[in-house]
């Protein structure tokens, strides 16, 4: 699935939301085992080493290339399990958004104006990718209306309940 992935060059606004959803659902379909998704397995399939470390309080994780390990997703060790699952999935979404021009183009230097224009769309894409990878489509609408359902879905799929209200 990943080797042939080519996202359009311009991912903005509603386009970022829709593409993030579509790709998250496609990945969910491929990686779902009895309704459960292991985002670390998805990351490893993309060639990432997933590690944990002490990070500043406001940082949940990072995606980078390391000479020793290759591609790395680094997660903050102080996160709860559901937060780690979502952070790992969201970082995969950031990687997929950044690499859309070609396999590791995301590692190249980009001018500050380009990065600023893309940051909002990239965040939307990454969040939608993570939500749709981890949680079945049927729950996305109903969690908006019911706190009880939101709590159930958050517990069942080990995701932070805040992401279900979006």
N, C-alpha and C. Protein backbone atom coordinates (compact mmCIF):
# COMPACT_ATOMS: atom_id res chain seq x y z
N UNK A 1 0.81 -1.20 0.00
CA UNK A 1 0.00 0.00 0.00
C UNK A 1 0.86 1.26 0.00
N UNK A 2 1.88 1.30 0.83
CA UNK A 2 2.63 2.54 1.04
C UNK A 2 3.57 2.86 -0.11
N UNK A 3 4.16 1.87 -0.74
CA UNK A 3 5.15 2.14 -1.78
C UNK A 3 4.56 2.89 -2.96
N UNK A 4 3.30 2.64 -3.26
CA UNK A 4 2.66 3.28 -4.41
C UNK A 4 1.89 4.54 -4.05
N UNK A 5 1.94 4.92 -2.79
CA UNK A 5 1.18 6.07 -2.34
C UNK A 5 1.74 7.37 -2.92
N UNK A 6 0.88 8.11 -3.56
CA UNK A 6 1.24 9.44 -4.04
C UNK A 6 0.06 10.36 -3.77
N UNK A 7 0.21 11.25 -2.83
CA UNK A 7 -0.82 12.23 -2.53
C UNK A 7 -0.64 13.41 -3.48
N UNK A 8 -1.70 14.17 -3.73
CA UNK A 8 -1.55 15.34 -4.60
C UNK A 8 -0.59 16.35 -3.98
N UNK A 9 0.02 17.16 -4.82
CA UNK A 9 0.98 18.14 -4.33
C UNK A 9 0.36 19.20 -3.44
N UNK A 10 -0.89 19.58 -3.70
CA UNK A 10 -1.54 20.63 -2.94
C UNK A 10 -2.58 20.02 -1.99
N UNK A 11 -2.25 20.01 -0.72
CA UNK A 11 -3.19 19.49 0.28
C UNK A 11 -3.52 20.65 1.21
N UNK A 12 -4.72 21.22 1.01
CA UNK A 12 -5.12 22.37 1.83
C UNK A 12 -6.57 22.23 2.26
N UNK A 13 -6.93 22.89 3.36
CA UNK A 13 -8.31 22.99 3.83
C UNK A 13 -9.09 21.70 3.84
N UNK A 14 -10.27 21.74 3.19
CA UNK A 14 -11.16 20.57 3.15
C UNK A 14 -10.48 19.40 2.45
N UNK A 15 -9.63 19.70 1.51
CA UNK A 15 -8.88 18.66 0.81
C UNK A 15 -8.03 17.87 1.82
N UNK A 16 -7.40 18.57 2.75
CA UNK A 16 -6.58 17.90 3.77
C UNK A 16 -7.45 17.02 4.66
N UNK A 17 -8.62 17.50 5.05
CA UNK A 17 -9.53 16.73 5.87
C UNK A 17 -9.97 15.46 5.15
N UNK A 18 -10.43 15.61 3.92
CA UNK A 18 -10.92 14.46 3.16
C UNK A 18 -9.83 13.44 2.85
N UNK A 19 -8.66 13.92 2.44
CA UNK A 19 -7.57 12.99 2.14
C UNK A 19 -7.09 12.26 3.40
N UNK A 20 -7.02 12.98 4.52
CA UNK A 20 -6.63 12.34 5.78
C UNK A 20 -7.61 11.25 6.17
N UNK A 21 -8.91 11.54 6.04
CA UNK A 21 -9.94 10.55 6.34
C UNK A 21 -9.83 9.33 5.43
N UNK A 22 -9.74 9.58 4.13
CA UNK A 22 -9.69 8.48 3.16
C UNK A 22 -8.49 7.57 3.40
N UNK A 23 -7.33 8.17 3.59
CA UNK A 23 -6.13 7.37 3.79
C UNK A 23 -6.17 6.64 5.12
N UNK A 24 -6.68 7.29 6.17
CA UNK A 24 -6.82 6.63 7.48
C UNK A 24 -7.75 5.43 7.39
N UNK A 25 -8.87 5.58 6.68
CA UNK A 25 -9.82 4.47 6.53
C UNK A 25 -9.23 3.33 5.72
N UNK A 26 -8.48 3.68 4.67
CA UNK A 26 -7.85 2.65 3.85
C UNK A 26 -6.83 1.87 4.68
N UNK A 27 -6.03 2.57 5.45
CA UNK A 27 -5.04 1.91 6.31
C UNK A 27 -5.74 1.07 7.37
N UNK A 28 -6.83 1.58 7.93
CA UNK A 28 -7.59 0.81 8.93
C UNK A 28 -8.08 -0.50 8.34
N UNK A 29 -8.59 -0.44 7.13
CA UNK A 29 -9.09 -1.64 6.46
C UNK A 29 -7.97 -2.68 6.29
N UNK A 30 -6.80 -2.22 5.95
CA UNK A 30 -5.67 -3.13 5.72
C UNK A 30 -5.10 -3.69 7.02
N UNK A 31 -4.99 -2.85 8.05
CA UNK A 31 -4.30 -3.24 9.28
C UNK A 31 -5.20 -3.71 10.41
N UNK A 32 -6.51 -3.64 10.24
CA UNK A 32 -7.42 -4.01 11.32
C UNK A 32 -7.43 -5.52 11.55
N UNK A 33 -7.19 -5.91 12.79
CA UNK A 33 -7.26 -7.31 13.21
C UNK A 33 -8.25 -7.38 14.36
N UNK A 34 -9.41 -7.96 14.10
CA UNK A 34 -10.49 -8.03 15.10
C UNK A 34 -10.87 -6.65 15.62
N UNK A 35 -10.85 -5.66 14.74
CA UNK A 35 -11.25 -4.31 15.11
C UNK A 35 -10.17 -3.48 15.77
N UNK A 36 -9.03 -4.08 16.05
CA UNK A 36 -7.96 -3.38 16.76
C UNK A 36 -6.83 -3.02 15.79
N UNK A 37 -6.25 -1.85 15.99
CA UNK A 37 -5.14 -1.39 15.16
C UNK A 37 -3.92 -1.20 16.06
N UNK A 38 -2.78 -1.67 15.60
CA UNK A 38 -1.53 -1.45 16.31
C UNK A 38 -0.73 -0.42 15.50
N UNK A 39 -0.75 0.87 15.90
CA UNK A 39 -0.06 1.89 15.12
C UNK A 39 1.45 1.66 15.03
N UNK A 40 2.03 0.99 16.03
CA UNK A 40 3.46 0.69 15.96
C UNK A 40 3.74 -0.28 14.81
N UNK A 41 2.86 -1.25 14.59
CA UNK A 41 3.02 -2.19 13.47
C UNK A 41 2.89 -1.45 12.14
N UNK A 42 1.98 -0.48 12.06
CA UNK A 42 1.84 0.31 10.84
C UNK A 42 3.13 1.11 10.60
N UNK A 43 3.66 1.72 11.66
CA UNK A 43 4.90 2.49 11.54
C UNK A 43 6.06 1.60 11.10
N UNK A 44 6.16 0.42 11.67
CA UNK A 44 7.23 -0.50 11.29
C UNK A 44 7.10 -0.93 9.84
N UNK A 45 5.86 -1.11 9.36
CA UNK A 45 5.63 -1.45 7.97
C UNK A 45 6.11 -0.33 7.04
N UNK A 46 6.09 0.88 7.54
CA UNK A 46 6.60 2.03 6.78
C UNK A 46 8.12 2.19 6.94
N UNK A 47 8.74 1.30 7.70
CA UNK A 47 10.18 1.35 7.87
C UNK A 47 10.66 2.17 9.05
N UNK A 48 9.78 2.42 10.01
CA UNK A 48 10.15 3.21 11.19
C UNK A 48 10.54 2.33 12.36
N UNK A 49 11.48 2.81 13.13
CA UNK A 49 11.78 2.30 14.46
C UNK A 49 10.98 3.19 15.40
N UNK A 50 10.19 2.60 16.29
CA UNK A 50 9.40 3.39 17.24
C UNK A 50 10.06 3.29 18.60
N UNK A 51 10.36 4.44 19.18
CA UNK A 51 11.06 4.50 20.46
C UNK A 51 10.34 5.48 21.39
N UNK A 52 10.65 5.36 22.68
CA UNK A 52 10.12 6.29 23.68
C UNK A 52 11.28 6.97 24.39
N UNK A 53 11.04 8.21 24.81
CA UNK A 53 12.06 8.95 25.51
C UNK A 53 11.43 10.09 26.30
N UNK A 54 12.17 10.62 27.27
CA UNK A 54 11.75 11.82 28.00
C UNK A 54 11.80 12.97 27.01
N UNK A 55 10.69 13.65 26.83
CA UNK A 55 10.62 14.81 25.95
C UNK A 55 10.06 15.98 26.75
N UNK A 56 10.25 17.20 26.27
CA UNK A 56 9.64 18.34 26.97
C UNK A 56 8.13 18.12 27.12
N UNK A 57 7.56 18.66 28.16
CA UNK A 57 6.16 18.42 28.52
C UNK A 57 5.19 18.69 27.36
N UNK A 58 5.46 19.73 26.57
CA UNK A 58 4.54 20.11 25.50
C UNK A 58 4.73 19.31 24.21
N UNK A 59 5.71 18.41 24.18
CA UNK A 59 6.00 17.62 22.97
C UNK A 59 5.54 16.17 23.18
N UNK A 60 4.67 15.69 22.28
CA UNK A 60 4.19 14.31 22.39
C UNK A 60 5.03 13.34 21.58
N UNK A 61 5.74 13.86 20.57
CA UNK A 61 6.56 12.98 19.77
C UNK A 61 7.19 13.70 18.61
N UNK A 62 7.94 12.94 17.82
CA UNK A 62 8.68 13.51 16.70
C UNK A 62 8.94 12.43 15.65
N UNK A 63 9.08 12.87 14.41
CA UNK A 63 9.44 11.99 13.30
C UNK A 63 10.76 12.51 12.75
N UNK A 64 11.76 11.65 12.60
CA UNK A 64 13.04 12.11 12.07
C UNK A 64 13.84 10.94 11.52
N UNK A 65 14.95 11.27 10.90
CA UNK A 65 15.87 10.25 10.40
C UNK A 65 17.11 10.27 11.29
N UNK A 66 17.54 9.08 11.70
CA UNK A 66 18.69 8.91 12.57
C UNK A 66 19.70 8.02 11.84
N UNK A 67 20.97 8.37 11.90
CA UNK A 67 21.96 7.57 11.17
C UNK A 67 22.07 6.15 11.70
N UNK A 68 21.81 5.95 12.98
CA UNK A 68 21.90 4.60 13.56
C UNK A 68 20.65 3.76 13.29
N UNK A 69 19.47 4.37 13.42
CA UNK A 69 18.23 3.60 13.32
C UNK A 69 17.44 3.82 12.03
N UNK A 70 17.81 4.80 11.22
CA UNK A 70 17.02 5.12 10.03
C UNK A 70 15.86 6.00 10.42
N UNK A 71 14.68 5.71 9.89
CA UNK A 71 13.49 6.48 10.23
C UNK A 71 13.06 6.16 11.66
N UNK A 72 12.74 7.22 12.41
CA UNK A 72 12.39 7.04 13.82
C UNK A 72 11.12 7.83 14.15
N UNK A 73 10.21 7.19 14.85
CA UNK A 73 9.11 7.89 15.51
C UNK A 73 9.44 7.82 16.98
N UNK A 74 9.59 8.99 17.58
CA UNK A 74 9.94 9.08 19.00
C UNK A 74 8.71 9.58 19.75
N UNK A 75 8.27 8.79 20.74
CA UNK A 75 7.10 9.14 21.54
C UNK A 75 7.53 9.52 22.95
N UNK A 76 6.82 10.48 23.52
CA UNK A 76 7.10 10.89 24.90
C UNK A 76 6.74 9.75 25.84
N UNK A 77 7.65 9.40 26.70
CA UNK A 77 7.44 8.26 27.60
C UNK A 77 6.40 8.54 28.69
N UNK A 78 6.07 9.82 28.92
CA UNK A 78 5.10 10.14 29.98
C UNK A 78 3.65 10.09 29.50
N UNK A 79 3.41 9.75 28.24
CA UNK A 79 2.04 9.68 27.73
C UNK A 79 1.33 8.42 28.21
N UNK A 80 0.01 8.52 28.36
CA UNK A 80 -0.80 7.34 28.66
C UNK A 80 -0.87 6.48 27.40
N UNK A 81 -1.29 5.24 27.56
CA UNK A 81 -1.30 4.29 26.43
C UNK A 81 -2.12 4.81 25.24
N UNK A 82 -3.32 5.29 25.50
CA UNK A 82 -4.16 5.81 24.42
C UNK A 82 -3.53 7.02 23.74
N UNK A 83 -2.88 7.87 24.53
CA UNK A 83 -2.21 9.04 23.96
C UNK A 83 -1.03 8.62 23.08
N UNK A 84 -0.33 7.57 23.48
CA UNK A 84 0.79 7.06 22.66
C UNK A 84 0.27 6.51 21.34
N UNK A 85 -0.84 5.77 21.39
CA UNK A 85 -1.42 5.21 20.16
C UNK A 85 -1.81 6.34 19.20
N UNK A 86 -2.46 7.37 19.75
CA UNK A 86 -2.88 8.46 18.89
C UNK A 86 -1.68 9.25 18.38
N UNK A 87 -0.71 9.53 19.26
CA UNK A 87 0.48 10.29 18.85
C UNK A 87 1.24 9.54 17.75
N UNK A 88 1.41 8.24 17.90
CA UNK A 88 2.10 7.44 16.89
C UNK A 88 1.35 7.52 15.55
N UNK A 89 0.03 7.38 15.60
CA UNK A 89 -0.79 7.44 14.39
C UNK A 89 -0.73 8.82 13.75
N UNK A 90 -0.78 9.85 14.58
CA UNK A 90 -0.73 11.21 14.07
C UNK A 90 0.64 11.50 13.43
N UNK A 91 1.71 11.01 14.04
CA UNK A 91 3.04 11.22 13.47
C UNK A 91 3.19 10.48 12.13
N UNK A 92 2.56 9.33 12.00
CA UNK A 92 2.53 8.65 10.70
C UNK A 92 1.82 9.55 9.69
N UNK A 93 0.72 10.16 10.11
CA UNK A 93 0.00 11.09 9.24
C UNK A 93 0.87 12.26 8.82
N UNK A 94 1.65 12.82 9.75
CA UNK A 94 2.57 13.91 9.40
C UNK A 94 3.59 13.43 8.36
N UNK A 95 4.14 12.27 8.59
CA UNK A 95 5.11 11.72 7.64
C UNK A 95 4.49 11.55 6.26
N UNK A 96 3.29 10.97 6.19
CA UNK A 96 2.64 10.74 4.89
C UNK A 96 2.35 12.07 4.18
N UNK A 97 1.96 13.07 4.95
CA UNK A 97 1.71 14.39 4.36
C UNK A 97 3.01 14.98 3.82
N UNK A 98 4.07 14.88 4.59
CA UNK A 98 5.34 15.49 4.19
C UNK A 98 6.01 14.77 3.03
N UNK A 99 5.79 13.48 2.90
CA UNK A 99 6.51 12.72 1.88
C UNK A 99 5.75 12.64 0.57
N UNK A 100 4.67 13.37 0.44
CA UNK A 100 3.78 13.20 -0.71
C UNK A 100 4.46 13.36 -2.06
N UNK A 101 5.55 14.12 -2.13
CA UNK A 101 6.23 14.30 -3.40
C UNK A 101 7.12 13.14 -3.77
N UNK A 102 7.45 12.30 -2.83
CA UNK A 102 8.31 11.18 -3.09
C UNK A 102 8.86 10.65 -1.80
N UNK A 103 9.36 9.46 -1.80
CA UNK A 103 9.74 8.77 -0.55
C UNK A 103 10.69 9.59 0.23
N UNK A 104 11.02 10.09 0.99
CA UNK A 104 11.86 10.83 1.88
C UNK A 104 12.09 12.29 1.48
N UNK A 105 11.28 12.81 0.59
CA UNK A 105 11.39 14.23 0.26
C UNK A 105 11.13 15.08 1.51
N UNK A 106 10.38 14.55 2.43
CA UNK A 106 10.06 15.25 3.68
C UNK A 106 11.30 15.59 4.49
N UNK A 107 12.42 14.94 4.20
CA UNK A 107 13.64 15.20 4.95
C UNK A 107 14.40 16.41 4.43
N UNK A 108 14.05 16.85 3.23
CA UNK A 108 14.78 17.95 2.63
C UNK A 108 14.42 19.28 3.29
N UNK A 109 15.35 20.22 3.23
CA UNK A 109 15.11 21.55 3.80
C UNK A 109 14.02 22.25 3.00
N UNK A 110 13.12 22.93 3.67
CA UNK A 110 12.06 23.69 3.00
C UNK A 110 12.09 25.11 3.54
N UNK A 111 11.75 26.07 2.68
CA UNK A 111 11.79 27.46 3.11
C UNK A 111 10.70 27.72 4.17
N UNK A 112 10.96 28.65 5.09
CA UNK A 112 10.05 28.92 6.21
C UNK A 112 8.63 29.29 5.77
N UNK A 113 8.46 30.07 4.68
CA UNK A 113 7.12 30.44 4.22
C UNK A 113 6.32 29.21 3.80
N UNK A 114 6.98 28.31 3.11
CA UNK A 114 6.33 27.08 2.65
C UNK A 114 5.88 26.24 3.84
N UNK A 115 6.73 26.13 4.84
CA UNK A 115 6.42 25.35 6.03
C UNK A 115 5.23 25.97 6.77
N UNK A 116 5.21 27.30 6.91
CA UNK A 116 4.11 27.96 7.62
C UNK A 116 2.79 27.76 6.90
N UNK A 117 2.77 27.88 5.56
CA UNK A 117 1.54 27.67 4.79
C UNK A 117 1.02 26.26 4.95
N UNK A 118 1.91 25.29 5.00
CA UNK A 118 1.51 23.90 5.05
C UNK A 118 1.19 23.40 6.46
N UNK A 119 1.65 24.08 7.50
CA UNK A 119 1.54 23.52 8.85
C UNK A 119 0.09 23.27 9.26
N UNK A 120 -0.83 24.19 8.96
CA UNK A 120 -2.23 24.01 9.35
C UNK A 120 -2.84 22.82 8.62
N UNK A 121 -2.65 22.75 7.31
CA UNK A 121 -3.19 21.64 6.51
C UNK A 121 -2.57 20.32 6.93
N UNK A 122 -1.29 20.36 7.23
CA UNK A 122 -0.62 19.13 7.66
C UNK A 122 -1.19 18.62 8.98
N UNK A 123 -1.47 19.53 9.90
CA UNK A 123 -2.02 19.13 11.19
C UNK A 123 -3.41 18.53 11.02
N UNK A 124 -4.24 19.17 10.20
CA UNK A 124 -5.58 18.65 9.93
C UNK A 124 -5.48 17.26 9.31
N UNK A 125 -4.64 17.12 8.31
CA UNK A 125 -4.46 15.82 7.64
C UNK A 125 -4.03 14.75 8.64
N UNK A 126 -3.04 15.07 9.47
CA UNK A 126 -2.48 14.09 10.42
C UNK A 126 -3.52 13.68 11.46
N UNK A 127 -4.31 14.63 11.96
CA UNK A 127 -5.34 14.30 12.95
C UNK A 127 -6.42 13.44 12.33
N UNK A 128 -6.88 13.81 11.14
CA UNK A 128 -7.91 13.01 10.48
C UNK A 128 -7.41 11.62 10.13
N UNK A 129 -6.15 11.52 9.70
CA UNK A 129 -5.57 10.20 9.42
C UNK A 129 -5.60 9.35 10.69
N UNK A 130 -5.12 9.90 11.81
CA UNK A 130 -5.05 9.15 13.07
C UNK A 130 -6.44 8.74 13.56
N UNK A 131 -7.38 9.67 13.55
CA UNK A 131 -8.75 9.35 14.00
C UNK A 131 -9.35 8.21 13.18
N UNK A 132 -9.16 8.27 11.87
CA UNK A 132 -9.78 7.27 10.99
C UNK A 132 -9.01 5.97 10.95
N UNK A 133 -7.75 5.99 11.28
CA UNK A 133 -6.98 4.76 11.41
C UNK A 133 -7.43 4.00 12.66
N UNK A 134 -7.59 4.70 13.76
CA UNK A 134 -7.83 4.06 15.04
C UNK A 134 -9.29 3.74 15.35
N UNK A 135 -10.21 4.53 14.85
CA UNK A 135 -11.62 4.39 15.22
C UNK A 135 -12.47 4.12 13.98
N UNK A 136 -13.32 3.10 14.02
CA UNK A 136 -14.20 2.81 12.88
C UNK A 136 -15.10 4.00 12.52
N UNK A 137 -15.36 4.15 11.25
CA UNK A 137 -16.14 5.26 10.70
C UNK A 137 -17.48 5.46 11.41
N UNK A 138 -18.15 4.40 11.75
CA UNK A 138 -19.49 4.50 12.34
C UNK A 138 -19.52 5.34 13.62
N UNK A 139 -18.43 5.37 14.36
CA UNK A 139 -18.41 6.09 15.63
C UNK A 139 -18.13 7.58 15.48
N UNK A 140 -17.64 8.01 14.34
CA UNK A 140 -17.24 9.41 14.21
C UNK A 140 -18.41 10.38 14.36
N UNK A 141 -19.57 10.08 13.80
CA UNK A 141 -20.72 10.98 13.92
C UNK A 141 -21.37 10.89 15.30
N UNK A 142 -21.60 9.68 15.78
CA UNK A 142 -22.36 9.55 17.03
C UNK A 142 -21.61 10.02 18.26
N UNK A 143 -20.28 10.03 18.23
CA UNK A 143 -19.54 10.51 19.41
C UNK A 143 -19.71 12.02 19.59
N UNK A 144 -20.14 12.73 18.57
CA UNK A 144 -20.37 14.17 18.70
C UNK A 144 -21.57 14.48 19.59
N UNK A 145 -22.51 13.55 19.68
CA UNK A 145 -23.76 13.82 20.35
C UNK A 145 -23.90 13.19 21.72
N UNK A 146 -23.04 12.26 22.06
CA UNK A 146 -23.24 11.54 23.31
C UNK A 146 -21.93 11.36 24.08
N UNK A 147 -21.91 11.90 25.28
CA UNK A 147 -20.74 11.75 26.16
C UNK A 147 -20.52 10.28 26.51
N UNK A 148 -21.60 9.53 26.71
CA UNK A 148 -21.50 8.12 27.08
C UNK A 148 -20.86 7.32 25.96
N UNK A 149 -21.30 7.57 24.73
CA UNK A 149 -20.72 6.86 23.58
C UNK A 149 -19.26 7.27 23.41
N UNK A 150 -18.97 8.55 23.58
CA UNK A 150 -17.59 9.03 23.45
C UNK A 150 -16.68 8.32 24.46
N UNK A 151 -17.14 8.17 25.69
CA UNK A 151 -16.35 7.47 26.70
C UNK A 151 -16.16 5.99 26.33
N UNK A 152 -17.22 5.36 25.86
CA UNK A 152 -17.14 3.95 25.44
C UNK A 152 -16.12 3.78 24.31
N UNK A 153 -16.22 4.61 23.29
CA UNK A 153 -15.33 4.50 22.12
C UNK A 153 -13.89 4.79 22.53
N UNK A 154 -13.69 5.80 23.36
CA UNK A 154 -12.33 6.13 23.82
C UNK A 154 -11.71 4.95 24.56
N UNK A 155 -12.49 4.31 25.43
CA UNK A 155 -11.98 3.14 26.15
C UNK A 155 -11.77 1.95 25.23
N UNK A 156 -12.72 1.69 24.36
CA UNK A 156 -12.66 0.52 23.48
C UNK A 156 -11.47 0.58 22.53
N UNK A 157 -11.18 1.77 21.98
CA UNK A 157 -10.12 1.90 20.99
C UNK A 157 -8.86 2.57 21.53
N UNK A 158 -8.81 2.78 22.84
CA UNK A 158 -7.64 3.37 23.50
C UNK A 158 -7.17 4.64 22.81
N UNK A 159 -8.08 5.59 22.71
CA UNK A 159 -7.74 6.89 22.16
C UNK A 159 -8.20 7.96 23.12
N UNK A 160 -7.55 9.12 23.12
CA UNK A 160 -8.01 10.20 24.00
C UNK A 160 -9.41 10.64 23.58
N UNK A 161 -10.30 10.81 24.53
CA UNK A 161 -11.68 11.14 24.21
C UNK A 161 -11.81 12.49 23.51
N UNK A 162 -10.87 13.39 23.73
CA UNK A 162 -10.92 14.72 23.11
C UNK A 162 -10.90 14.64 21.58
N UNK A 163 -10.20 13.68 21.02
CA UNK A 163 -10.09 13.60 19.56
C UNK A 163 -11.39 13.11 18.93
N UNK A 164 -12.26 12.53 19.72
CA UNK A 164 -13.52 12.02 19.18
C UNK A 164 -14.56 13.11 19.00
N UNK A 165 -14.38 14.22 19.63
CA UNK A 165 -15.35 15.30 19.54
C UNK A 165 -15.12 16.19 18.33
N UNK A 166 -13.99 16.04 17.70
CA UNK A 166 -13.63 16.92 16.58
C UNK A 166 -14.51 16.73 15.38
